[in-house]
Amino acid sequence: MKIGLLSGAEDPFSVTLRSLPDFEAAGLDRVFVPEAYTFDSVSRLGAIAVSTTAVEIATGVMNVYSRTPGLIAMTAAGLDAISGGRFILGLGASGPQVVEGFHAVPYAAPLARTREVIEICRMVWRREPLAYDGEVFKVPLPAGGRAAAGRAARPLRLVERPARAAIPVYLAALGPRNTELAAELADGWLPTLYRPESAAEVFGPALRSGAARRAPGLGPLEIAVDVKLLISDDPGELEYGYQRVRDYLALYVGGMGAPGRNFYNSLVRRYGFEQSAAEIEELYRGDPPGGGGRRGPATSGRPRYVQSARSRTDWTRLYPSATGASGCADSNRSFRRAIRHVPPSSRSRSRNSTSARLM
């Protein structure tokens, strides 16, 4: 198992940036930077790339709606170049709440769009003339797309030569069809709210189906899961950590999408927690205006569904949890201890042995 850090919005980015050389020296393998509707991930990854020498950097994740496929490919190639071949493109379809509610883009054809973005990116990185005729994207635009000129543009290829012609692509996927797509097309899979006890039943069929169509050249599918981390003997700090998990679950299970369009809520139901998922969603949406569910009744009490992780994965992405006035420093100490706790022998384990158990 390898160790990754998911750099969130909880701690100031300047603190994370100062801590990374320490984490890298302790053995950190990878840094994921999310986006959602916070600051963009690209500018922060650029800063991380020039502040580190060995740790891999990854978007965790970049949605496939708010940028064109060409821009995603260019951005990935640029980050890979300035990091010396250490970049991983983490992609995801996100959901209607973010795509329509923040980016004002219709949430249409997520599966086709995701597939086409990945295929176009790989064409760009191979420096092929970009001529693509898909369901969602047609590159170049047909002649009708240039009414003034009355003719179609010609296919272009990336001017600069990328550091690598095959930048790894990780896909965030929750639903059966998206998970199947990840197993078929991506280098890695990023499941959220991952529950090992239910993984074989919930994800196994989709992973097997996708793997049956997987190109041999891609190699085994890597798996990277999220784990909340707090190392402490202090009851107050531990309760704070539990509350952070409750807040996180309330936001995603209760509020990340309208009823019936919340993929996280649907996943928890597939795990067998139908009643809890319904209660969290109802309580979250019943909060007073401005409450957002973060401190409301949806987050009270220990949730019946709590995220956990075992050793059936290739990567563990840790969220350091900070508390009190010395929170950032405590968070960094916890994270360094966690990295050192994972022996190097287990961190270099073959990908085959871990992904096969899920399939």
Protein backbone atom coordinates (compact mmCIF):
# COMPACT_ATOMS: atom_id res chain seq x y z
CA MET A 1 0.00 0.00 0.00
CA LYS A 2 1.18 3.52 -0.80
CA ILE A 3 0.31 6.69 1.06
CA GLY A 4 -1.21 9.78 -0.51
CA LEU A 5 -2.32 13.09 0.96
CA LEU A 6 -5.59 14.69 -0.09
CA SER A 7 -4.94 18.39 0.40
CA GLY A 8 -8.29 19.94 1.30
CA ALA A 9 -9.57 23.37 2.19
CA GLU A 10 -9.42 22.81 5.96
CA ASP A 11 -5.84 24.02 6.43
CA PRO A 12 -4.38 27.07 4.66
CA PHE A 13 -2.62 25.99 1.49
CA SER A 14 0.50 27.89 2.58
CA VAL A 15 0.74 25.55 5.59
CA THR A 16 0.33 22.47 3.38
CA LEU A 17 2.99 23.76 0.99
CA ARG A 18 5.47 24.35 3.81
CA SER A 19 4.80 20.88 5.23
CA LEU A 20 5.20 18.92 2.00
CA PRO A 21 9.03 18.70 2.01
CA ASP A 22 8.74 17.19 5.50
CA PHE A 23 6.07 14.75 4.35
CA GLU A 24 8.11 13.87 1.28
CA ALA A 25 11.16 13.14 3.43
CA ALA A 26 9.00 10.94 5.68
CA GLY A 27 7.94 8.86 2.68
CA LEU A 28 4.80 10.44 1.24
CA ASP A 29 4.12 8.97 -2.21
CA ARG A 30 1.48 11.24 -3.75
CA VAL A 31 -0.48 14.46 -3.23
CA PHE A 32 -4.05 14.80 -4.51
CA VAL A 33 -5.55 18.28 -4.82
CA PRO A 34 -9.35 18.49 -5.11
CA GLU A 35 -11.34 21.19 -6.83
CA ALA A 36 -15.16 20.94 -6.48
CA TYR A 37 -16.11 24.60 -5.99
CA THR A 38 -13.05 25.70 -3.98
CA PHE A 39 -9.92 27.29 -5.48
CA ASP A 40 -8.77 25.58 -8.67
CA SER A 41 -6.43 22.60 -8.36
CA VAL A 42 -4.08 23.53 -11.20
CA SER A 43 -2.46 26.59 -9.64
CA ARG A 44 -1.89 24.75 -6.37
CA LEU A 45 -0.43 21.71 -8.13
CA GLY A 46 1.97 23.98 -9.98
CA ALA A 47 3.22 25.34 -6.66
CA ILE A 48 3.56 21.82 -5.28
CA ALA A 49 5.42 20.63 -8.37
CA VAL A 50 8.19 23.19 -7.95
CA SER A 51 8.35 22.71 -4.16
CA THR A 52 8.92 18.94 -4.27
CA THR A 53 11.24 16.57 -6.08
CA ALA A 54 9.85 13.04 -5.90
CA VAL A 55 6.25 12.98 -4.68
CA GLU A 56 3.65 12.44 -7.40
CA ILE A 57 0.98 15.11 -7.88
CA ALA A 58 -2.61 14.53 -8.94
CA THR A 59 -5.90 16.30 -9.47
CA GLY A 60 -8.38 14.75 -7.13
CA VAL A 61 -10.50 15.38 -9.12
CA MET A 62 -10.97 17.70 -12.09
CA ASN A 63 -14.50 17.55 -13.48
CA VAL A 64 -15.05 16.87 -17.20
CA TYR A 65 -17.58 19.69 -17.72
CA SER A 66 -15.93 23.00 -16.79
CA ARG A 67 -12.99 22.70 -19.23
CA THR A 68 -12.79 21.55 -22.83
CA PRO A 69 -11.03 18.22 -23.47
CA GLY A 70 -8.26 20.11 -25.27
CA LEU A 71 -7.66 22.37 -22.28
CA ILE A 72 -7.68 19.41 -19.88
CA ALA A 73 -5.08 17.66 -22.05
CA MET A 74 -2.92 20.80 -22.33
CA THR A 75 -3.10 21.40 -18.56
CA ALA A 76 -2.16 17.82 -17.77
CA ALA A 77 0.78 17.93 -20.19
CA GLY A 78 1.96 21.21 -18.66
CA LEU A 79 1.81 19.92 -15.08
CA ASP A 80 3.56 16.72 -16.13
CA ALA A 81 6.31 18.74 -17.77
CA ILE A 82 7.02 21.09 -14.86
CA SER A 83 6.94 18.19 -12.39
CA GLY A 84 9.32 16.05 -14.43
CA GLY A 85 6.77 13.34 -15.24
CA ARG A 86 5.12 13.15 -11.81
CA PHE A 87 1.56 14.18 -12.70
CA ILE A 88 -1.60 12.05 -12.62
CA LEU A 89 -4.84 13.31 -14.13
CA GLY A 90 -7.70 12.55 -11.77
CA LEU A 91 -11.01 13.05 -13.56
CA GLY A 92 -14.64 12.75 -12.56
CA ALA A 93 -18.11 13.55 -13.81
CA SER A 94 -18.88 15.33 -10.53
CA GLY A 95 -22.66 15.82 -10.19
CA PRO A 96 -25.51 18.17 -11.07
CA GLN A 97 -25.11 20.18 -7.88
CA VAL A 98 -21.61 21.38 -8.80
CA VAL A 99 -21.78 21.25 -12.61
CA GLU A 100 -25.13 23.02 -12.97
CA GLY A 101 -25.19 24.89 -9.68
CA PHE A 102 -21.70 26.40 -9.90
CA HIS A 103 -20.46 26.08 -13.48
CA ALA A 104 -23.85 26.62 -15.17
CA VAL A 105 -23.26 23.74 -17.58
CA PRO A 106 -26.02 21.18 -18.26
CA TYR A 107 -25.23 17.86 -16.61
CA ALA A 108 -25.76 15.77 -19.75
CA ALA A 109 -24.28 12.47 -20.98
CA PRO A 110 -21.74 12.03 -18.14
CA LEU A 111 -20.57 8.59 -19.27
CA ALA A 112 -20.09 9.49 -22.92
CA ARG A 113 -18.46 12.78 -21.97
CA THR A 114 -16.01 11.11 -19.58
CA ARG A 115 -15.03 8.46 -22.12
CA GLU A 116 -14.50 11.04 -24.86
CA VAL A 117 -12.46 13.36 -22.63
CA ILE A 118 -10.09 10.50 -21.77
CA GLU A 119 -9.77 9.40 -25.41
CA ILE A 120 -9.15 12.96 -26.64
CA CYS A 121 -6.55 13.61 -23.92
CA ARG A 122 -4.62 10.52 -24.94
CA MET A 123 -4.69 11.59 -28.58
CA VAL A 124 -3.32 15.00 -27.62
CA TRP A 125 -0.52 13.52 -25.51
CA ARG A 126 0.50 11.26 -28.41
CA ARG A 127 0.63 14.41 -30.55
CA GLU A 128 -1.79 13.01 -33.09
CA PRO A 129 -3.73 15.45 -35.29
CA LEU A 130 -6.86 16.01 -33.21
CA ALA A 131 -9.68 14.70 -35.37
CA TYR A 132 -12.40 13.19 -33.19
CA ASP A 133 -16.01 12.39 -34.05
CA GLY A 134 -17.82 11.54 -30.84
CA GLU A 135 -21.30 11.70 -29.40
CA VAL A 136 -20.48 14.75 -27.29
CA PHE A 137 -17.38 16.24 -28.93
CA LYS A 138 -16.57 16.73 -32.59
CA VAL A 139 -13.08 18.11 -33.12
CA PRO A 140 -12.57 20.18 -35.18
CA LEU A 141 -16.06 21.64 -35.23
CA PRO A 142 -17.91 20.82 -38.46
CA ALA A 143 -18.25 23.54 -41.07
CA GLY A 144 -21.56 24.61 -39.58
CA GLY A 145 -19.73 25.62 -36.43
CA ARG A 146 -17.91 28.39 -38.31
CA ALA A 147 -20.75 30.20 -39.98
CA ALA A 148 -18.67 33.30 -40.69
CA ALA A 149 -15.89 31.43 -42.46
CA GLY A 150 -18.15 28.82 -44.01
CA ARG A 151 -15.59 26.05 -43.66
CA ALA A 152 -14.31 23.67 -41.00
CA ALA A 153 -11.04 24.19 -39.15
CA ARG A 154 -8.27 21.72 -39.79
CA PRO A 155 -7.10 19.26 -37.09
CA LEU A 156 -4.21 20.49 -34.94
CA ARG A 157 -1.63 18.66 -32.88
CA LEU A 158 -0.03 19.76 -29.61
CA VAL A 159 2.91 22.03 -30.40
CA GLU A 160 5.21 20.97 -27.58
CA ARG A 161 6.29 17.39 -26.96
CA PRO A 162 4.88 16.13 -23.62
CA ALA A 163 7.20 14.70 -21.00
CA ARG A 164 5.21 11.47 -21.36
CA ALA A 165 2.94 10.29 -24.14
CA ALA A 166 0.82 8.35 -21.64
CA ILE A 167 -0.02 10.39 -18.55
CA PRO A 168 -1.87 8.20 -16.03
CA VAL A 169 -5.61 8.87 -15.79
CA TYR A 170 -7.54 8.07 -12.62
CA LEU A 171 -11.32 8.12 -12.69
CA ALA A 172 -13.60 8.91 -9.74
CA ALA A 173 -16.59 6.60 -10.03
CA LEU A 174 -19.48 5.59 -7.77
CA GLY A 175 -22.25 4.17 -9.94
CA PRO A 176 -22.09 0.79 -11.71
CA ARG A 177 -21.69 2.17 -15.24
CA ASN A 178 -19.07 4.74 -14.28
CA THR A 179 -17.16 2.14 -12.26
CA GLU A 180 -17.31 -0.18 -15.27
CA LEU A 181 -15.86 2.63 -17.39
CA ALA A 182 -13.02 3.12 -14.91
CA ALA A 183 -12.14 -0.58 -15.03
CA GLU A 184 -12.17 -0.50 -18.83
CA LEU A 185 -10.42 2.77 -19.63
CA ALA A 186 -8.60 4.33 -16.67
CA ASP A 187 -5.22 3.65 -15.10
CA GLY A 188 -6.71 4.04 -11.64
CA TRP A 189 -10.05 4.14 -9.83
CA LEU A 190 -10.99 6.66 -7.14
CA PRO A 191 -13.99 5.38 -5.16
CA THR A 192 -15.50 7.76 -2.59
CA LEU A 193 -17.20 6.61 0.63
CA TYR A 194 -15.49 3.27 0.05
CA ARG A 195 -16.66 0.45 2.32
CA PRO A 196 -14.48 -2.67 2.02
CA GLU A 197 -17.08 -4.95 3.62
CA SER A 198 -19.50 -4.21 0.75
CA ALA A 199 -17.00 -3.67 -2.08
CA ALA A 200 -17.18 -7.10 -3.72
CA GLU A 201 -20.99 -7.07 -3.80
CA VAL A 202 -21.48 -3.42 -4.79
CA PHE A 203 -18.55 -2.85 -7.15
CA GLY A 204 -17.43 -6.35 -8.16
CA PRO A 205 -19.77 -6.95 -11.13
CA ALA A 206 -19.02 -3.55 -12.69
CA LEU A 207 -15.27 -3.98 -12.21
CA ARG A 208 -15.31 -7.44 -13.78
CA SER A 209 -17.38 -6.25 -16.72
CA GLY A 210 -15.10 -3.29 -17.40
CA ALA A 211 -11.93 -5.32 -16.93
CA ALA A 212 -13.10 -7.78 -19.60
CA ARG A 213 -12.83 -4.94 -22.17
CA ARG A 214 -9.63 -3.45 -20.76
CA ALA A 215 -6.70 -2.98 -23.13
CA PRO A 216 -3.75 -5.15 -21.98
CA GLY A 217 -1.36 -2.21 -22.34
CA LEU A 218 -3.06 -0.33 -19.51
CA GLY A 219 -1.90 -2.84 -16.91
CA PRO A 220 -3.83 -3.64 -13.71
CA LEU A 221 -6.29 -1.07 -12.39
CA GLU A 222 -4.94 0.82 -9.38
CA ILE A 223 -7.33 1.67 -6.54
CA ALA A 224 -7.01 4.71 -4.29
CA VAL A 225 -9.40 5.22 -1.37
CA ASP A 226 -9.90 8.03 1.14
CA VAL A 227 -9.34 7.58 4.87
CA LYS A 228 -9.90 10.17 7.59
CA LEU A 229 -6.87 10.33 9.89
CA LEU A 230 -6.49 11.57 13.46
CA ILE A 231 -3.90 10.11 15.85
CA SER A 232 -4.70 11.17 19.41
CA ASP A 233 -5.44 9.91 22.93
CA ASP A 234 -7.38 13.04 23.81
CA PRO A 235 -11.18 12.39 24.09
CA GLY A 236 -11.98 15.92 22.98
CA GLU A 237 -9.84 15.63 19.87
CA LEU A 238 -11.29 12.22 19.05
CA GLU A 239 -14.82 13.56 19.35
CA TYR A 240 -13.83 16.45 17.11
CA GLY A 241 -12.56 13.91 14.57
CA TYR A 242 -15.84 11.96 14.70
CA GLN A 243 -17.74 15.19 14.17
CA ARG A 244 -15.64 16.02 11.14
CA VAL A 245 -16.62 12.66 9.64
CA ARG A 246 -20.29 13.30 10.48
CA ASP A 247 -20.11 16.71 8.82
CA TYR A 248 -18.51 15.21 5.73
CA LEU A 249 -21.11 12.45 5.47
CA ALA A 250 -23.97 14.88 6.05
CA LEU A 251 -22.78 17.13 3.25
CA TYR A 252 -22.27 14.38 0.69
CA VAL A 253 -25.01 11.92 1.63
CA GLY A 254 -27.51 14.65 2.51
CA GLY A 255 -26.81 17.61 0.30
CA MET A 256 -24.63 16.86 -2.72
CA GLY A 257 -27.47 16.85 -5.22
CA ALA A 258 -31.24 16.98 -5.24
CA PRO A 259 -33.18 13.95 -3.98
CA GLY A 260 -32.90 11.26 -6.61
CA ARG A 261 -29.82 12.91 -8.17
CA ASN A 262 -27.36 12.47 -5.30
CA PHE A 263 -24.90 9.76 -6.32
CA TYR A 264 -23.37 9.57 -2.83
CA ASN A 265 -26.76 8.97 -1.25
CA SER A 266 -27.45 6.28 -3.84
CA LEU A 267 -24.16 4.56 -3.02
CA VAL A 268 -24.91 4.45 0.72
CA ARG A 269 -28.29 2.92 -0.10
CA ARG A 270 -26.54 0.28 -2.23
CA TYR A 271 -24.38 -0.52 0.79
CA GLY A 272 -27.59 -1.43 2.62
CA PHE A 273 -28.12 1.74 4.66
CA GLU A 274 -31.36 2.84 2.98
CA GLN A 275 -32.98 4.19 6.14
CA SER A 276 -29.89 6.09 7.27
CA ALA A 277 -29.42 7.59 3.81
CA ALA A 278 -33.04 8.75 3.76
CA GLU A 279 -32.83 10.20 7.28
CA ILE A 280 -29.60 12.08 6.59
CA GLU A 281 -31.00 13.56 3.39
CA GLU A 282 -34.24 14.59 5.10
CA LEU A 283 -32.50 16.15 8.09
CA TYR A 284 -29.90 17.91 5.97
CA ARG A 285 -32.52 19.50 3.75
CA GLY A 286 -34.63 20.40 6.77
CA ASP A 287 -31.93 22.66 8.24
CA PRO A 288 -32.65 26.38 8.56
CA PRO A 289 -31.51 28.55 5.64
CA GLY A 290 -27.77 29.06 5.82
CA GLY A 291 -27.28 26.04 8.08
CA GLY A 292 -26.05 23.87 5.25
CA GLY A 293 -26.34 20.75 7.38
CA ARG A 294 -22.85 21.26 8.82
CA ARG A 295 -23.97 21.87 12.37
CA GLY A 296 -27.57 20.77 12.10
CA PRO A 297 -29.41 17.63 13.20
CA ALA A 298 -28.12 15.61 10.27
CA THR A 299 -24.68 15.60 11.90
CA SER A 300 -25.72 14.74 15.46
CA GLY A 301 -24.85 11.38 17.01
CA ARG A 302 -22.46 8.79 15.65
CA PRO A 303 -23.61 7.83 12.15
CA ARG A 304 -24.58 4.23 11.53
CA TYR A 305 -22.59 4.34 8.35
CA VAL A 306 -18.95 5.24 9.00
CA GLN A 307 -16.28 5.14 6.33
CA SER A 308 -13.47 2.61 6.81
CA ALA A 309 -10.62 1.07 4.85
CA ARG A 310 -8.66 -2.17 4.80
CA SER A 311 -5.59 -3.32 2.88
CA ARG A 312 -7.51 -4.28 -0.29
CA THR A 313 -6.38 -1.17 -2.12
CA ASP A 314 -3.24 0.13 -3.79
CA TRP A 315 -3.37 3.65 -2.40
CA THR A 316 -4.70 5.18 0.80
CA ARG A 317 -5.45 8.89 0.54
CA LEU A 318 -5.34 10.39 4.02
CA TYR A 319 -7.16 13.47 5.26
CA PRO A 320 -5.19 14.86 8.22
CA SER A 321 -7.61 16.25 10.82
CA ALA A 322 -6.63 19.38 12.75
CA THR A 323 -8.05 20.70 16.02
CA GLY A 324 -7.76 23.81 18.14
CA ALA A 325 -5.29 26.63 17.92
CA SER A 326 -2.42 24.27 17.21
CA GLY A 327 -4.49 22.32 14.70
CA CYS A 328 -2.21 22.59 11.69
CA ALA A 329 0.85 21.50 13.65
CA ASP A 330 -1.07 18.61 15.25
CA SER A 331 -2.36 17.58 11.83
CA ASN A 332 1.15 17.52 10.40
CA ARG A 333 2.49 15.45 13.29
CA SER A 334 -0.33 12.92 12.87
CA PHE A 335 0.33 12.66 9.16
CA ARG A 336 4.07 12.13 9.56
CA ARG A 337 3.38 9.38 12.10
CA ALA A 338 0.92 7.71 9.73
CA ILE A 339 3.39 7.71 6.83
CA ARG A 340 6.13 6.18 8.95
CA HIS A 341 3.72 3.55 10.28
CA VAL A 342 3.36 1.97 6.81
CA PRO A 343 6.44 -0.19 6.18
CA PRO A 344 8.15 0.29 2.81
CA SER A 345 7.68 -3.39 1.93
CA SER A 346 3.89 -3.06 2.01
CA ARG A 347 3.98 0.20 0.08
CA SER A 348 5.76 -1.38 -2.87
CA ARG A 349 3.36 -4.32 -3.13
CA SER A 350 2.17 -5.42 -6.57
CA ARG A 351 -1.02 -3.83 -7.85
CA ASN A 352 -2.36 -7.21 -9.00
CA SER A 353 -2.69 -8.66 -5.52
CA THR A 354 -4.91 -5.85 -4.30
CA SER A 355 -7.20 -5.12 -7.23
CA ALA A 356 -7.95 -8.78 -7.87
CA ARG A 357 -9.79 -9.18 -4.57
CA LEU A 358 -12.38 -6.62 -5.61
CA MET A 359 -12.96 -8.16 -8.99
